[in-house]
Amino acid sequence: MTIMQMLVTGMILIIIATVTLAVLSYGAFKVRERRAPRRAGAPASGAPLFFERVRLNSAPLQREE
């Protein structure tokens, strides 16, 4: 094997490993998301667990004259 063939083989193996890890990571994320544990006193479904949603008032500001 020449050095060029070894480099190409190494690059192909690295690409295959990267794609495999990406697919496995996405699958693990989906499984974790589906099996999220529920504790007593946890917020209702769809509610954020750690952050509070802040909404700004949509009315325009009133100028004081």
PDB file of N, CA and C in Angstrom:
ATOM      1  N   MET A   1       0.835  -1.186   0.000  1.00  0.00           N
ATOM      2  CA  MET A   1       0.000   0.000   0.000  1.00  0.00           C
ATOM      3  C   MET A   1       0.874   1.241   0.000  1.00  0.00           C
ATOM      4  N   THR A   2       0.501   2.164  -0.833  1.00  0.00           N
ATOM      5  CA  THR A   2       1.237   3.426  -0.846  1.00  0.00           C
ATOM      6  C   THR A   2       0.676   4.339   0.230  1.00  0.00           C
ATOM      7  N   ILE A   3       1.376   5.407   0.470  1.00  0.00           N
ATOM      8  CA  ILE A   3       0.938   6.371   1.482  1.00  0.00           C
ATOM      9  C   ILE A   3      -0.396   6.999   1.092  1.00  0.00           C
ATOM     10  N   MET A   4      -0.619   7.214  -0.201  1.00  0.00           N
ATOM     11  CA  MET A   4      -1.865   7.813  -0.659  1.00  0.00           C
ATOM     12  C   MET A   4      -3.047   6.868  -0.393  1.00  0.00           C
ATOM     13  N   GLN A   5      -2.866   5.600  -0.642  1.00  0.00           N
ATOM     14  CA  GLN A   5      -3.921   4.632  -0.387  1.00  0.00           C
ATOM     15  C   GLN A   5      -4.234   4.533   1.109  1.00  0.00           C
ATOM     16  N   MET A   6      -3.210   4.617   1.942  1.00  0.00           N
ATOM     17  CA  MET A   6      -3.434   4.577   3.380  1.00  0.00           C
ATOM     18  C   MET A   6      -4.186   5.815   3.846  1.00  0.00           C
ATOM     19  N   LEU A   7      -3.842   6.982   3.309  1.00  0.00           N
ATOM     20  CA  LEU A   7      -4.546   8.210   3.666  1.00  0.00           C
ATOM     21  C   LEU A   7      -6.011   8.158   3.252  1.00  0.00           C
ATOM     22  N   VAL A   8      -6.270   7.705   2.046  1.00  0.00           N
ATOM     23  CA  VAL A   8      -7.654   7.616   1.561  1.00  0.00           C
ATOM     24  C   VAL A   8      -8.442   6.614   2.406  1.00  0.00           C
ATOM     25  N   THR A   9      -7.842   5.474   2.712  1.00  0.00           N
ATOM     26  CA  THR A   9      -8.510   4.475   3.541  1.00  0.00           C
ATOM     27  C   THR A   9      -8.804   5.043   4.934  1.00  0.00           C
ATOM     28  N   GLY A  10      -7.850   5.745   5.498  1.00  0.00           N
ATOM     29  CA  GLY A  10      -8.060   6.363   6.812  1.00  0.00           C
ATOM     30  C   GLY A  10      -9.163   7.395   6.785  1.00  0.00           C
ATOM     31  N   MET A  11      -9.194   8.215   5.747  1.00  0.00           N
ATOM     32  CA  MET A  11     -10.249   9.231   5.641  1.00  0.00           C
ATOM     33  C   MET A  11     -11.628   8.592   5.492  1.00  0.00           C
ATOM     34  N   ILE A  12     -11.714   7.533   4.705  1.00  0.00           N
ATOM     35  CA  ILE A  12     -12.998   6.852   4.539  1.00  0.00           C
ATOM     36  C   ILE A  12     -13.458   6.242   5.858  1.00  0.00           C
ATOM     37  N   LEU A  13     -12.533   5.628   6.598  1.00  0.00           N
ATOM     38  CA  LEU A  13     -12.888   5.050   7.895  1.00  0.00           C
ATOM     39  C   LEU A  13     -13.334   6.122   8.886  1.00  0.00           C
ATOM     40  N   ILE A  14     -12.672   7.270   8.864  1.00  0.00           N
ATOM     41  CA  ILE A  14     -13.050   8.361   9.762  1.00  0.00           C
ATOM     42  C   ILE A  14     -14.428   8.897   9.408  1.00  0.00           C
ATOM     43  N   ILE A  15     -14.727   9.025   8.121  1.00  0.00           N
ATOM     44  CA  ILE A  15     -16.043   9.504   7.698  1.00  0.00           C
ATOM     45  C   ILE A  15     -17.128   8.517   8.116  1.00  0.00           C
ATOM     46  N   ILE A  16     -16.879   7.226   7.913  1.00  0.00           N
ATOM     47  CA  ILE A  16     -17.864   6.212   8.308  1.00  0.00           C
ATOM     48  C   ILE A  16     -18.076   6.228   9.821  1.00  0.00           C
ATOM     49  N   ALA A  17     -17.008   6.358  10.588  1.00  0.00           N
ATOM     50  CA  ALA A  17     -17.129   6.406  12.051  1.00  0.00           C
ATOM     51  C   ALA A  17     -17.902   7.649  12.493  1.00  0.00           C
ATOM     52  N   THR A  18     -17.676   8.790  11.844  1.00  0.00           N
ATOM     53  CA  THR A  18     -18.365  10.026  12.203  1.00  0.00           C
ATOM     54  C   THR A  18     -19.859   9.911  11.926  1.00  0.00           C
ATOM     55  N   VAL A  19     -20.210   9.393  10.772  1.00  0.00           N
ATOM     56  CA  VAL A  19     -21.629   9.231  10.435  1.00  0.00           C
ATOM     57  C   VAL A  19     -22.293   8.240  11.390  1.00  0.00           C
ATOM     58  N   THR A  20     -21.597   7.152  11.709  1.00  0.00           N
ATOM     59  CA  THR A  20     -22.145   6.166  12.646  1.00  0.00           C
ATOM     60  C   THR A  20     -22.379   6.782  14.024  1.00  0.00           C
ATOM     61  N   LEU A  21     -21.420   7.541  14.520  1.00  0.00           N
ATOM     62  CA  LEU A  21     -21.590   8.194  15.825  1.00  0.00           C
ATOM     63  C   LEU A  21     -22.716   9.220  15.806  1.00  0.00           C
ATOM     64  N   ALA A  22     -22.872   9.931  14.697  1.00  0.00           N
ATOM     65  CA  ALA A  22     -23.952  10.906  14.591  1.00  0.00           C
ATOM     66  C   ALA A  22     -25.311  10.213  14.642  1.00  0.00           C
ATOM     67  N   VAL A  23     -25.455   9.115  13.928  1.00  0.00           N
ATOM     68  CA  VAL A  23     -26.724   8.379  13.928  1.00  0.00           C
ATOM     69  C   VAL A  23     -27.007   7.800  15.315  1.00  0.00           C
ATOM     70  N   LEU A  24     -26.006   7.228  15.955  1.00  0.00           N
ATOM     71  CA  LEU A  24     -26.199   6.674  17.298  1.00  0.00           C
ATOM     72  C   LEU A  24     -26.535   7.768  18.322  1.00  0.00           C
ATOM     73  N   SER A  25     -25.898   8.909  18.203  1.00  0.00           N
ATOM     74  CA  SER A  25     -26.182  10.008  19.127  1.00  0.00           C
ATOM     75  C   SER A  25     -27.607  10.511  18.949  1.00  0.00           C
ATOM     76  N   TYR A  26     -28.038  10.640  17.715  1.00  0.00           N
ATOM     77  CA  TYR A  26     -29.405  11.088  17.454  1.00  0.00           C
ATOM     78  C   TYR A  26     -30.406  10.062  17.992  1.00  0.00           C
ATOM     79  N   GLY A  27     -30.132   8.790  17.796  1.00  0.00           N
ATOM     80  CA  GLY A  27     -31.017   7.751  18.319  1.00  0.00           C
ATOM     81  C   GLY A  27     -31.082   7.783  19.839  1.00  0.00           C
ATOM     82  N   ALA A  28     -29.945   7.962  20.498  1.00  0.00           N
ATOM     83  CA  ALA A  28     -29.922   8.045  21.961  1.00  0.00           C
ATOM     84  C   ALA A  28     -30.688   9.270  22.447  1.00  0.00           C
ATOM     85  N   PHE A  29     -30.575  10.385  21.748  1.00  0.00           N
ATOM     86  CA  PHE A  29     -31.318  11.589  22.105  1.00  0.00           C
ATOM     87  C   PHE A  29     -32.817  11.348  22.007  1.00  0.00           C
ATOM     88  N   LYS A  30     -33.256  10.692  20.923  1.00  0.00           N
ATOM     89  CA  LYS A  30     -34.683  10.429  20.742  1.00  0.00           C
ATOM     90  C   LYS A  30     -35.207   9.469  21.811  1.00  0.00           C
ATOM     91  N   VAL A  31     -34.422   8.449  22.162  1.00  0.00           N
ATOM     92  CA  VAL A  31     -34.845   7.513  23.198  1.00  0.00           C
ATOM     93  C   VAL A  31     -34.947   8.225  24.535  1.00  0.00           C
ATOM     94  N   ARG A  32     -33.965   9.067  24.850  1.00  0.00           N
ATOM     95  CA  ARG A  32     -33.995   9.814  26.112  1.00  0.00           C
ATOM     96  C   ARG A  32     -35.168  10.767  26.159  1.00  0.00           C
ATOM     97  N   GLU A  33     -35.454  11.417  25.043  1.00  0.00           N
ATOM     98  CA  GLU A  33     -36.561  12.362  24.991  1.00  0.00           C
ATOM     99  C   GLU A  33     -37.896  11.636  25.191  1.00  0.00           C
ATOM    100  N   ARG A  34     -38.011  10.442  24.660  1.00  0.00           N
ATOM    101  CA  ARG A  34     -39.258   9.682  24.761  1.00  0.00           C
ATOM    102  C   ARG A  34     -39.463   9.132  26.171  1.00  0.00           C
ATOM    103  N   ARG A  35     -38.379   8.782  26.867  1.00  0.00           N
ATOM    104  CA  ARG A  35     -38.487   8.155  28.174  1.00  0.00           C
ATOM    105  C   ARG A  35     -38.117   9.109  29.301  1.00  0.00           C
ATOM    106  N   ALA A  36     -38.455  10.357  29.186  1.00  0.00           N
ATOM    107  CA  ALA A  36     -38.099  11.317  30.230  1.00  0.00           C
ATOM    108  C   ALA A  36     -38.800  10.948  31.531  1.00  0.00           C
ATOM    109  N   PRO A  37     -38.075  10.887  32.648  1.00  0.00           N
ATOM    110  CA  PRO A  37     -38.694  10.524  33.927  1.00  0.00           C
ATOM    111  C   PRO A  37     -39.611  11.635  34.417  1.00  0.00           C
ATOM    112  N   ARG A  38     -40.666  11.238  35.046  1.00  0.00           N
ATOM    113  CA  ARG A  38     -41.617  12.192  35.631  1.00  0.00           C
ATOM    114  C   ARG A  38     -41.530  12.081  37.148  1.00  0.00           C
ATOM    115  N   ARG A  39     -41.378  13.205  37.791  1.00  0.00           N
ATOM    116  CA  ARG A  39     -41.332  13.223  39.251  1.00  0.00           C
ATOM    117  C   ARG A  39     -42.597  13.871  39.783  1.00  0.00           C
ATOM    118  N   ALA A  40     -42.886  13.614  41.038  1.00  0.00           N
ATOM    119  CA  ALA A  40     -44.033  14.258  41.677  1.00  0.00           C
ATOM    120  C   ALA A  40     -43.775  15.757  41.747  1.00  0.00           C
ATOM    121  N   GLY A  41     -44.743  16.531  41.394  1.00  0.00           N
ATOM    122  CA  GLY A  41     -44.592  17.977  41.423  1.00  0.00           C
ATOM    123  C   GLY A  41     -43.917  18.536  40.195  1.00  0.00           C
ATOM    124  N   ALA A  42     -43.694  17.702  39.195  1.00  0.00           N
ATOM    125  CA  ALA A  42     -43.077  18.178  37.954  1.00  0.00           C
ATOM    126  C   ALA A  42     -44.094  19.020  37.189  1.00  0.00           C
ATOM    127  N   PRO A  43     -43.635  19.957  36.415  1.00  0.00           N
ATOM    128  CA  PRO A  43     -44.566  20.787  35.654  1.00  0.00           C
ATOM    129  C   PRO A  43     -45.352  19.955  34.646  1.00  0.00           C
ATOM    130  N   ALA A  44     -46.472  20.495  34.211  1.00  0.00           N
ATOM    131  CA  ALA A  44     -47.320  19.792  33.247  1.00  0.00           C
ATOM    132  C   ALA A  44     -46.561  19.547  31.953  1.00  0.00           C
ATOM    133  N   SER A  45     -47.030  18.587  31.189  1.00  0.00           N
ATOM    134  CA  SER A  45     -46.331  18.255  29.946  1.00  0.00           C
ATOM    135  C   SER A  45     -46.295  19.457  29.023  1.00  0.00           C
ATOM    136  N   GLY A  46     -45.183  19.636  28.369  1.00  0.00           N
ATOM    137  CA  GLY A  46     -45.019  20.767  27.466  1.00  0.00           C
ATOM    138  C   GLY A  46     -44.472  22.011  28.153  1.00  0.00           C
ATOM    139  N   ALA A  47     -44.506  22.038  29.480  1.00  0.00           N
ATOM    140  CA  ALA A  47     -43.982  23.192  30.203  1.00  0.00           C
ATOM    141  C   ALA A  47     -42.469  23.038  30.336  1.00  0.00           C
ATOM    142  N   PRO A  48     -41.728  24.127  30.284  1.00  0.00           N
ATOM    143  CA  PRO A  48     -40.276  24.030  30.441  1.00  0.00           C
ATOM    144  C   PRO A  48     -39.912  23.594  31.862  1.00  0.00           C
ATOM    145  N   LEU A  49     -38.873  22.769  31.973  1.00  0.00           N
ATOM    146  CA  LEU A  49     -38.484  22.269  33.286  1.00  0.00           C
ATOM    147  C   LEU A  49     -37.628  23.262  34.067  1.00  0.00           C
ATOM    148  N   PHE A  50     -36.738  23.980  33.371  1.00  0.00           N
ATOM    149  CA  PHE A  50     -35.762  24.787  34.080  1.00  0.00           C
ATOM    150  C   PHE A  50     -35.934  26.283  33.877  1.00  0.00           C
ATOM    151  N   PHE A  51     -36.577  26.677  32.802  1.00  0.00           N
ATOM    152  CA  PHE A  51     -36.661  28.090  32.493  1.00  0.00           C
ATOM    153  C   PHE A  51     -38.109  28.543  32.484  1.00  0.00           C
ATOM    154  N   GLU A  52     -38.290  29.793  32.799  1.00  0.00           N
ATOM    155  CA  GLU A  52     -39.616  30.377  32.801  1.00  0.00           C
ATOM    156  C   GLU A  52     -39.776  31.192  31.528  1.00  0.00           C
ATOM    157  N   ARG A  53     -40.887  31.034  30.849  1.00  0.00           N
ATOM    158  CA  ARG A  53     -41.109  31.759  29.606  1.00  0.00           C
ATOM    159  C   ARG A  53     -41.489  33.201  29.937  1.00  0.00           C
ATOM    160  N   VAL A  54     -40.811  34.133  29.314  1.00  0.00           N
ATOM    161  CA  VAL A  54     -41.065  35.546  29.532  1.00  0.00           C
ATOM    162  C   VAL A  54     -41.717  36.099  28.285  1.00  0.00           C
ATOM    163  N   ARG A  55     -42.865  36.736  28.445  1.00  0.00           N
ATOM    164  CA  ARG A  55     -43.565  37.330  27.313  1.00  0.00           C
ATOM    165  C   ARG A  55     -43.599  38.837  27.505  1.00  0.00           C
ATOM    166  N   LEU A  56     -43.264  39.541  26.455  1.00  0.00           N
ATOM    167  CA  LEU A  56     -43.308  40.988  26.514  1.00  0.00           C
ATOM    168  C   LEU A  56     -44.699  41.462  26.136  1.00  0.00           C
ATOM    169  N   ASN A  57     -45.096  42.548  26.724  1.00  0.00           N
ATOM    170  CA  ASN A  57     -46.403  43.102  26.425  1.00  0.00           C
ATOM    171  C   ASN A  57     -46.404  43.589  24.976  1.00  0.00           C
ATOM    172  N   SER A  58     -47.400  43.185  24.205  1.00  0.00           N
ATOM    173  CA  SER A  58     -47.418  43.550  22.796  1.00  0.00           C
ATOM    174  C   SER A  58     -47.989  44.947  22.555  1.00  0.00           C
ATOM    175  N   ALA A  59     -48.528  45.579  23.591  1.00  0.00           N
ATOM    176  CA  ALA A  59     -49.079  46.937  23.435  1.00  0.00           C
ATOM    177  C   ALA A  59     -47.930  47.926  23.267  1.00  0.00           C
ATOM    178  N   PRO A  60     -48.104  48.921  22.404  1.00  0.00           N
ATOM    179  CA  PRO A  60     -47.038  49.917  22.238  1.00  0.00           C
ATOM    180  C   PRO A  60     -46.858  50.747  23.498  1.00  0.00           C
ATOM    181  N   LEU A  61     -45.662  51.234  23.691  1.00  0.00           N
ATOM    182  CA  LEU A  61     -45.369  52.058  24.860  1.00  0.00           C
ATOM    183  C   LEU A  61     -46.095  53.394  24.763  1.00  0.00           C
ATOM    184  N   GLN A  62     -46.604  53.885  25.889  1.00  0.00           N
ATOM    185  CA  GLN A  62     -47.288  55.168  25.938  1.00  0.00           C
ATOM    186  C   GLN A  62     -46.270  56.254  26.274  1.00  0.00           C
ATOM    187  N   ARG A  63     -46.269  57.293  25.498  1.00  0.00           N
ATOM    188  CA  ARG A  63     -45.397  58.428  25.797  1.00  0.00           C
ATOM    189  C   ARG A  63     -46.057  59.367  26.787  1.00  0.00           C
ATOM    190  N   GLU A  64     -45.273  59.830  27.733  1.00  0.00           N
ATOM    191  CA  GLU A  64     -45.786  60.816  28.679  1.00  0.00           C
ATOM    192  C   GLU A  64     -45.475  62.195  28.127  1.00  0.00           C
ATOM    193  N   GLU A  65     -46.484  63.025  28.075  1.00  0.00           N
ATOM    194  CA  GLU A  65     -46.283  64.388  27.534  1.00  0.00           C
ATOM    195  C   GLU A  65     -46.392  65.431  28.590  1.00  0.00           C
TER     196      GLU A  65
END
